[in-house]
Structures are given as C-alpha cells and as structure tokens.
C-alpha cells in the first residue's frame, strides 16, 4: 500500500512538472509537505499530519529538530539530499531518496517553512 501511494504521488508530481506549471513558493511548500510526509515519513517524523508513523525504530531525527540546527540552510539540505549516505562504509546511512531537482526544491521549501 505504501509503495503504491508513493508511486502515485511521484507520478502526479512528474505530470504536473511535465505540463510546465510554474510552482510558486506556497505551491512548493505544499508539494514538499506531501512529498516529505510520504517519502521521508518512512524514517522521519516529517510532518505532524503524515499518514503513517515511521517504520524505522527508533525514528530518524524529526524534521522539526533538523531545521533548528545551526548549520541548516537550503544549500546544506540540497547537498545532503543529493549525496550518497549509505554504502559499505556506512551501511546504516540514509538511503538515496532519488529526488529530481524540482522535488528537492519542494522539500527544501517545506523544510525552510518549518524554521522558527
């Protein structure tokens, strides 16, 4: 069920981008929220209203905590998401989420909106 939901969301996000719709900041935050809740929510508490609890026990750092770190910036997050985290040297590292550029932009917009 979870894989089908993820596939559905990724498909419709790709279709929206293919239509050439220019997403505004509010749209990026909204789309990033949905994407994070479904994809990142497998391991993190990405949003208080995410549909399912993380399957990782204990869960990875919640997004609300990550965004409060002193070194957290949009550039830091972009670099973190686009680099490999799991490998022979770190078998328990974060898996590659395989996000395309516009999805990374959306997740960044969502996470930046969580900063207080």
C-alpha atoms as a PDB file:
ATOM      1  CA  UNK A   1       0.000   0.000   0.000  1.00  0.00           C
ATOM      2  CA  UNK A   2       2.768   2.439   0.958  1.00  0.00           C
ATOM      3  CA  UNK A   3       4.701   1.776  -2.268  1.00  0.00           C
ATOM      4  CA  UNK A   4       1.556   2.287  -4.343  1.00  0.00           C
ATOM      5  CA  UNK A   5       0.895   5.603  -2.576  1.00  0.00           C
ATOM      6  CA  UNK A   6       4.472   6.757  -3.132  1.00  0.00           C
ATOM      7  CA  UNK A   7       4.284   5.797  -6.802  1.00  0.00           C
ATOM      8  CA  UNK A   8       1.003   7.655  -7.204  1.00  0.00           C
ATOM      9  CA  UNK A   9       2.344  10.866  -5.644  1.00  0.00           C
ATOM     10  CA  UNK A  10       5.608  10.785  -7.601  1.00  0.00           C
ATOM     11  CA  UNK A  11       3.703  10.134 -10.836  1.00  0.00           C
ATOM     12  CA  UNK A  12       1.353  13.098 -10.365  1.00  0.00           C
ATOM     13  CA  UNK A  13       4.186  15.388  -9.326  1.00  0.00           C
ATOM     14  CA  UNK A  14       6.008  14.443 -12.524  1.00  0.00           C
ATOM     15  CA  UNK A  15       2.887  15.014 -14.609  1.00  0.00           C
ATOM     16  CA  UNK A  16       2.468  18.482 -13.074  1.00  0.00           C
ATOM     17  CA  UNK A  17       6.058  19.365 -13.930  1.00  0.00           C
ATOM     18  CA  UNK A  18       5.656  17.998 -17.439  1.00  0.00           C
ATOM     19  CA  UNK A  19       2.730  20.357 -18.024  1.00  0.00           C
ATOM     20  CA  UNK A  20       5.133  23.195 -17.372  1.00  0.00           C
ATOM     21  CA  UNK A  21       3.287  24.683 -14.447  1.00  0.00           C
ATOM     22  CA  UNK A  22       5.365  27.234 -12.593  1.00  0.00           C
ATOM     23  CA  UNK A  23       5.072  26.438  -8.886  1.00  0.00           C
ATOM     24  CA  UNK A  24       5.081  29.392  -6.546  1.00  0.00           C
ATOM     25  CA  UNK A  25       6.583  29.331  -3.081  1.00  0.00           C
ATOM     26  CA  UNK A  26       3.294  28.345  -1.429  1.00  0.00           C
ATOM     27  CA  UNK A  27       2.844  25.591  -4.011  1.00  0.00           C
ATOM     28  CA  UNK A  28       6.404  24.370  -3.406  1.00  0.00           C
ATOM     29  CA  UNK A  29       5.802  24.252   0.352  1.00  0.00           C
ATOM     30  CA  UNK A  30       2.548  22.341  -0.116  1.00  0.00           C
ATOM     31  CA  UNK A  31       4.068  19.857  -2.567  1.00  0.00           C
ATOM     32  CA  UNK A  32       7.180  19.486  -0.412  1.00  0.00           C
ATOM     33  CA  UNK A  33       4.992  18.765   2.609  1.00  0.00           C
ATOM     34  CA  UNK A  34       3.167  15.997   0.746  1.00  0.00           C
ATOM     35  CA  UNK A  35       6.362  14.526  -0.659  1.00  0.00           C
ATOM     36  CA  UNK A  36       8.164  14.611   2.701  1.00  0.00           C
ATOM     37  CA  UNK A  37       5.222  13.085   4.566  1.00  0.00           C
ATOM     38  CA  UNK A  38       5.095  10.142   2.179  1.00  0.00           C
ATOM     39  CA  UNK A  39       8.727   9.516   1.238  1.00  0.00           C
ATOM     40  CA  UNK A  40      10.683  10.845   4.222  1.00  0.00           C
ATOM     41  CA  UNK A  41       7.995   9.758   6.666  1.00  0.00           C
ATOM     42  CA  UNK A  42       9.166   6.168   6.363  1.00  0.00           C
ATOM     43  CA  UNK A  43      12.085   7.017   8.648  1.00  0.00           C
ATOM     44  CA  UNK A  44      11.459  10.559   9.976  1.00  0.00           C
ATOM     45  CA  UNK A  45       8.571  12.362  11.549  1.00  0.00           C
ATOM     46  CA  UNK A  46       8.463  14.685   8.563  1.00  0.00           C
ATOM     47  CA  UNK A  47       5.103  16.272   9.304  1.00  0.00           C
ATOM     48  CA  UNK A  48       2.740  16.106  12.267  1.00  0.00           C
ATOM     49  CA  UNK A  49      -0.044  15.009   9.927  1.00  0.00           C
ATOM     50  CA  UNK A  50       1.856  12.369   7.949  1.00  0.00           C
ATOM     51  CA  UNK A  51      -0.404   9.428   7.123  1.00  0.00           C
ATOM     52  CA  UNK A  52       1.765   6.699   8.692  1.00  0.00           C
ATOM     53  CA  UNK A  53       4.228   6.545  11.552  1.00  0.00           C
ATOM     54  CA  UNK A  54       7.890   5.940  10.658  1.00  0.00           C
ATOM     55  CA  UNK A  55       8.809   2.290  10.236  1.00  0.00           C
ATOM     56  CA  UNK A  56      12.344   2.941  11.476  1.00  0.00           C
ATOM     57  CA  UNK A  57      12.601   2.213  15.188  1.00  0.00           C
ATOM     58  CA  UNK A  58      13.717   4.460  16.687  1.00  0.00           C
ATOM     59  CA  UNK A  59      12.845   7.030  14.021  1.00  0.00           C
ATOM     60  CA  UNK A  60      15.496   9.232  12.427  1.00  0.00           C
ATOM     61  CA  UNK A  61      15.663  12.864  13.569  1.00  0.00           C
ATOM     62  CA  UNK A  62      12.320  14.644  13.184  1.00  0.00           C
ATOM     63  CA  UNK A  63      12.243  17.439  10.611  1.00  0.00           C
ATOM     64  CA  UNK A  64      11.212  19.909  13.329  1.00  0.00           C
ATOM     65  CA  UNK A  65      14.578  19.247  15.030  1.00  0.00           C
ATOM     66  CA  UNK A  66      16.671  19.141  11.847  1.00  0.00           C
ATOM     67  CA  UNK A  67      15.542  22.592  10.719  1.00  0.00           C
ATOM     68  CA  UNK A  68      16.585  24.144  14.042  1.00  0.00           C
ATOM     69  CA  UNK A  69      20.238  23.108  13.678  1.00  0.00           C
ATOM     70  CA  UNK A  70      22.664  25.998  13.363  1.00  0.00           C
ATOM     71  CA  UNK A  71      24.190  24.616  10.161  1.00  0.00           C
ATOM     72  CA  UNK A  72      20.802  24.056   8.464  1.00  0.00           C
ATOM     73  CA  UNK A  73      20.436  26.044   5.245  1.00  0.00           C
ATOM     74  CA  UNK A  74      18.828  25.381   1.880  1.00  0.00           C
ATOM     75  CA  UNK A  75      22.282  24.740   0.387  1.00  0.00           C
ATOM     76  CA  UNK A  76      23.199  22.333   3.193  1.00  0.00           C
ATOM     77  CA  UNK A  77      19.955  20.393   2.667  1.00  0.00           C
ATOM     78  CA  UNK A  78      20.395  20.285  -1.119  1.00  0.00           C
ATOM     79  CA  UNK A  79      23.907  18.900  -0.666  1.00  0.00           C
ATOM     80  CA  UNK A  80      22.789  16.406   1.976  1.00  0.00           C
ATOM     81  CA  UNK A  81      19.916  15.037  -0.097  1.00  0.00           C
ATOM     82  CA  UNK A  82      21.995  14.748  -3.272  1.00  0.00           C
ATOM     83  CA  UNK A  83      24.980  12.927  -1.785  1.00  0.00           C
ATOM     84  CA  UNK A  84      25.196   9.232  -1.066  1.00  0.00           C
ATOM     85  CA  UNK A  85      24.635   8.352   2.568  1.00  0.00           C
ATOM     86  CA  UNK A  86      24.526   4.567   2.511  1.00  0.00           C
ATOM     87  CA  UNK A  87      27.397   2.403   1.397  1.00  0.00           C
ATOM     88  CA  UNK A  88      29.870  -0.195   2.546  1.00  0.00           C
ATOM     89  CA  UNK A  89      31.483   2.362   4.833  1.00  0.00           C
ATOM     90  CA  UNK A  90      28.117   3.356   6.358  1.00  0.00           C
ATOM     91  CA  UNK A  91      25.557   0.567   5.903  1.00  0.00           C
ATOM     92  CA  UNK A  92      23.006   2.253   8.187  1.00  0.00           C
ATOM     93  CA  UNK A  93      23.165   5.619   6.413  1.00  0.00           C
ATOM     94  CA  UNK A  94      20.173   7.337   4.893  1.00  0.00           C
ATOM     95  CA  UNK A  95      19.066   5.729   1.619  1.00  0.00           C
ATOM     96  CA  UNK A  96      19.116   7.819  -1.524  1.00  0.00           C
ATOM     97  CA  UNK A  97      15.611   9.276  -1.963  1.00  0.00           C
ATOM     98  CA  UNK A  98      16.149   9.634  -5.755  1.00  0.00           C
ATOM     99  CA  UNK A  99      14.539  13.057  -5.936  1.00  0.00           C
ATOM    100  CA  UNK A 100      14.742  15.161  -9.079  1.00  0.00           C
ATOM    101  CA  UNK A 101      15.617  18.868  -8.903  1.00  0.00           C
ATOM    102  CA  UNK A 102      12.091  20.239  -8.643  1.00  0.00           C
ATOM    103  CA  UNK A 103      11.268  17.749  -5.860  1.00  0.00           C
ATOM    104  CA  UNK A 104      14.395  18.757  -3.941  1.00  0.00           C
ATOM    105  CA  UNK A 105      13.298  22.384  -4.330  1.00  0.00           C
ATOM    106  CA  UNK A 106       9.871  21.496  -2.934  1.00  0.00           C
ATOM    107  CA  UNK A 107      11.241  19.587   0.067  1.00  0.00           C
ATOM    108  CA  UNK A 108      13.641  22.472   0.783  1.00  0.00           C
ATOM    109  CA  UNK A 109      10.753  24.966   0.614  1.00  0.00           C
ATOM    110  CA  UNK A 110       8.738  22.825   3.023  1.00  0.00           C
ATOM    111  CA  UNK A 111      11.607  22.346   5.473  1.00  0.00           C
ATOM    112  CA  UNK A 112      12.521  26.050   5.384  1.00  0.00           C
ATOM    113  CA  UNK A 113       8.899  26.829   6.240  1.00  0.00           C
ATOM    114  CA  UNK A 114       9.295  24.802   9.454  1.00  0.00           C
ATOM    115  CA  UNK A 115      12.030  27.074  10.824  1.00  0.00           C
ATOM    116  CA  UNK A 116      11.025  29.150  13.811  1.00  0.00           C
END
